[in-house]
N, C-alpha and C. Protein backbone atom coordinates (compact mmCIF):
# COMPACT_ATOMS: atom_id res chain seq x y z
N MET A 1 59.66 89.02 111.43
CA MET A 1 60.62 89.96 110.88
C MET A 1 62.00 89.86 111.37
N VAL A 2 62.14 89.66 112.64
CA VAL A 2 63.47 89.57 113.21
C VAL A 2 64.16 88.28 112.84
N PHE A 3 63.36 87.21 112.75
CA PHE A 3 63.90 85.94 112.38
C PHE A 3 64.32 85.92 110.88
N GLY A 4 63.66 86.60 110.02
CA GLY A 4 63.99 86.65 108.59
C GLY A 4 65.31 87.33 108.47
N GLY A 5 65.54 88.44 109.08
CA GLY A 5 66.83 89.12 108.96
C GLY A 5 67.96 88.29 109.46
N GLY A 6 67.75 87.68 110.67
CA GLY A 6 68.79 86.83 111.26
C GLY A 6 69.12 85.66 110.39
N PHE A 7 68.09 85.10 109.73
CA PHE A 7 68.25 83.93 108.85
C PHE A 7 69.14 84.31 107.65
N LYS A 8 68.75 85.50 107.12
CA LYS A 8 69.56 85.97 105.88
C LYS A 8 71.05 86.17 106.32
N PHE A 9 71.23 86.71 107.50
CA PHE A 9 72.63 86.91 107.98
C PHE A 9 73.41 85.63 108.16
N LEU A 10 72.70 84.67 108.78
CA LEU A 10 73.36 83.32 109.00
C LEU A 10 73.70 82.64 107.72
N VAL A 11 72.76 82.71 106.74
CA VAL A 11 73.06 82.11 105.40
C VAL A 11 74.22 82.83 104.70
N GLY A 12 74.24 84.09 104.82
CA GLY A 12 75.41 84.87 104.28
C GLY A 12 76.71 84.49 104.93
N VAL A 13 76.71 84.38 106.24
CA VAL A 13 77.92 83.98 106.92
C VAL A 13 78.31 82.59 106.51
N GLY A 14 77.45 81.67 106.43
CA GLY A 14 77.72 80.39 106.03
C GLY A 14 78.26 80.20 104.61
N CYS A 15 77.63 80.98 103.73
CA CYS A 15 78.17 81.00 102.31
C CYS A 15 79.58 81.65 102.28
N GLY A 16 79.76 82.63 103.11
CA GLY A 16 81.14 83.27 103.10
C GLY A 16 82.18 82.34 103.67
N VAL A 17 81.86 81.59 104.71
CA VAL A 17 82.81 80.65 105.21
C VAL A 17 83.12 79.57 104.24
N TYR A 18 82.11 79.09 103.58
CA TYR A 18 82.28 77.99 102.56
C TYR A 18 83.22 78.43 101.47
N VAL A 19 82.94 79.70 100.97
CA VAL A 19 83.72 80.20 99.78
C VAL A 19 85.17 80.43 100.29
N ALA A 20 85.40 80.97 101.48
CA ALA A 20 86.72 81.24 102.05
C ALA A 20 87.51 79.99 102.15
N GLN A 21 86.81 78.85 102.48
CA GLN A 21 87.56 77.64 102.72
C GLN A 21 87.83 76.88 101.43
N ASN A 22 87.00 77.00 100.46
CA ASN A 22 87.09 76.09 99.30
C ASN A 22 87.59 76.81 97.99
N TYR A 23 87.74 78.19 98.05
CA TYR A 23 88.21 78.79 96.90
C TYR A 23 89.39 79.74 97.27
N ASN A 24 90.16 80.16 96.23
CA ASN A 24 91.25 81.03 96.48
C ASN A 24 90.82 82.44 96.48
N VAL A 25 90.44 82.98 97.68
CA VAL A 25 89.90 84.33 97.83
C VAL A 25 91.08 85.26 98.08
N PRO A 26 91.23 86.40 97.41
CA PRO A 26 92.37 87.26 97.63
C PRO A 26 92.20 87.87 99.05
N ASN A 27 93.39 88.27 99.58
CA ASN A 27 93.38 89.10 100.86
C ASN A 27 92.98 90.50 100.58
N VAL A 28 91.85 90.81 101.15
CA VAL A 28 91.23 92.15 100.84
C VAL A 28 92.01 93.20 101.62
N LYS A 29 92.52 92.93 102.77
CA LYS A 29 93.29 93.94 103.44
C LYS A 29 94.61 94.30 102.68
N LYS A 30 95.29 93.26 102.10
CA LYS A 30 96.46 93.55 101.35
C LYS A 30 96.19 94.35 100.11
N LEU A 31 95.11 93.98 99.39
CA LEU A 31 94.67 94.72 98.24
C LEU A 31 94.41 96.19 98.56
N PHE A 32 93.65 96.45 99.64
CA PHE A 32 93.27 97.80 100.07
C PHE A 32 94.58 98.57 100.38
N ASN A 33 95.51 98.02 101.09
CA ASN A 33 96.75 98.75 101.41
C ASN A 33 97.54 99.08 100.19
N THR A 34 97.52 98.10 99.15
CA THR A 34 98.25 98.40 97.91
C THR A 34 97.61 99.61 97.19
N TYR A 35 96.25 99.60 97.13
CA TYR A 35 95.56 100.75 96.43
C TYR A 35 95.73 102.00 97.16
N VAL A 36 95.86 102.01 98.49
CA VAL A 36 96.02 103.26 99.28
C VAL A 36 97.39 103.79 98.95
N PHE A 37 98.42 102.87 98.92
CA PHE A 37 99.84 103.28 98.56
C PHE A 37 99.90 103.93 97.17
N LEU A 38 99.22 103.25 96.21
CA LEU A 38 99.25 103.75 94.88
C LEU A 38 98.56 105.14 94.75
N ALA A 39 97.43 105.26 95.49
CA ALA A 39 96.69 106.59 95.47
C ALA A 39 97.56 107.72 96.05
N LYS A 40 98.25 107.43 97.16
CA LYS A 40 99.15 108.42 97.74
C LYS A 40 100.24 108.75 96.81
N HIS A 41 100.83 107.73 96.12
CA HIS A 41 101.97 107.96 95.16
C HIS A 41 101.46 108.87 94.06
N VAL A 42 100.31 108.60 93.43
CA VAL A 42 99.82 109.42 92.34
C VAL A 42 99.51 110.83 92.83
N GLU A 43 98.95 110.99 94.10
CA GLU A 43 98.60 112.34 94.56
C GLU A 43 99.84 113.16 94.83
N GLU A 44 100.90 112.49 95.39
CA GLU A 44 102.18 113.23 95.54
C GLU A 44 102.86 113.58 94.23
N THR A 45 102.76 112.68 93.21
CA THR A 45 103.38 112.95 91.98
C THR A 45 102.77 114.11 91.22
N TYR A 46 101.48 114.23 91.23
CA TYR A 46 100.76 115.20 90.37
C TYR A 46 100.18 116.28 91.24
N ARG A 47 100.61 116.57 92.46
CA ARG A 47 100.23 117.71 93.29
C ARG A 47 100.72 118.95 92.75
N LYS A 48 99.96 120.03 92.77
CA LYS A 48 100.46 121.34 92.33
C LYS A 48 101.53 121.75 93.35
N PRO A 49 102.56 122.47 92.87
CA PRO A 49 103.59 123.10 93.90
C PRO A 49 102.90 124.20 94.63
N PRO A 50 103.30 124.40 95.86
CA PRO A 50 102.74 125.50 96.63
C PRO A 50 103.15 126.83 95.95
N PRO A 51 102.25 127.85 96.14
CA PRO A 51 102.64 129.19 95.59
C PRO A 51 103.84 129.81 96.22
N LYS A 52 104.64 130.40 95.34
CA LYS A 52 105.87 130.99 95.89
C LYS A 52 105.57 132.37 96.54
N LYS A 53 106.32 132.57 97.62
CA LYS A 53 106.06 133.89 98.32
C LYS A 53 107.18 134.85 97.80
N ASP A 54 106.62 136.09 97.64
CA ASP A 54 107.57 137.19 97.20
C ASP A 54 107.98 137.94 98.48
N ASP A 55 109.30 137.83 98.83
CA ASP A 55 109.83 138.45 100.03
C ASP A 55 110.43 139.86 99.74
N ASP A 56 109.94 140.55 98.63
CA ASP A 56 110.62 141.73 98.30
C ASP A 56 110.07 142.94 99.11
């Protein structure tokens, strides 16, 4: 059981290294930061204004 899980992990790592070296893989961190920036921009643009206080 332990060897089966470890073998799958090592095969996955090996495939990931091969793909990263031989194909044009996008930078995931850069994509994530771009989507976070866009989400913040949309949230700030469409946020409801705070309720006004009546000081009368």
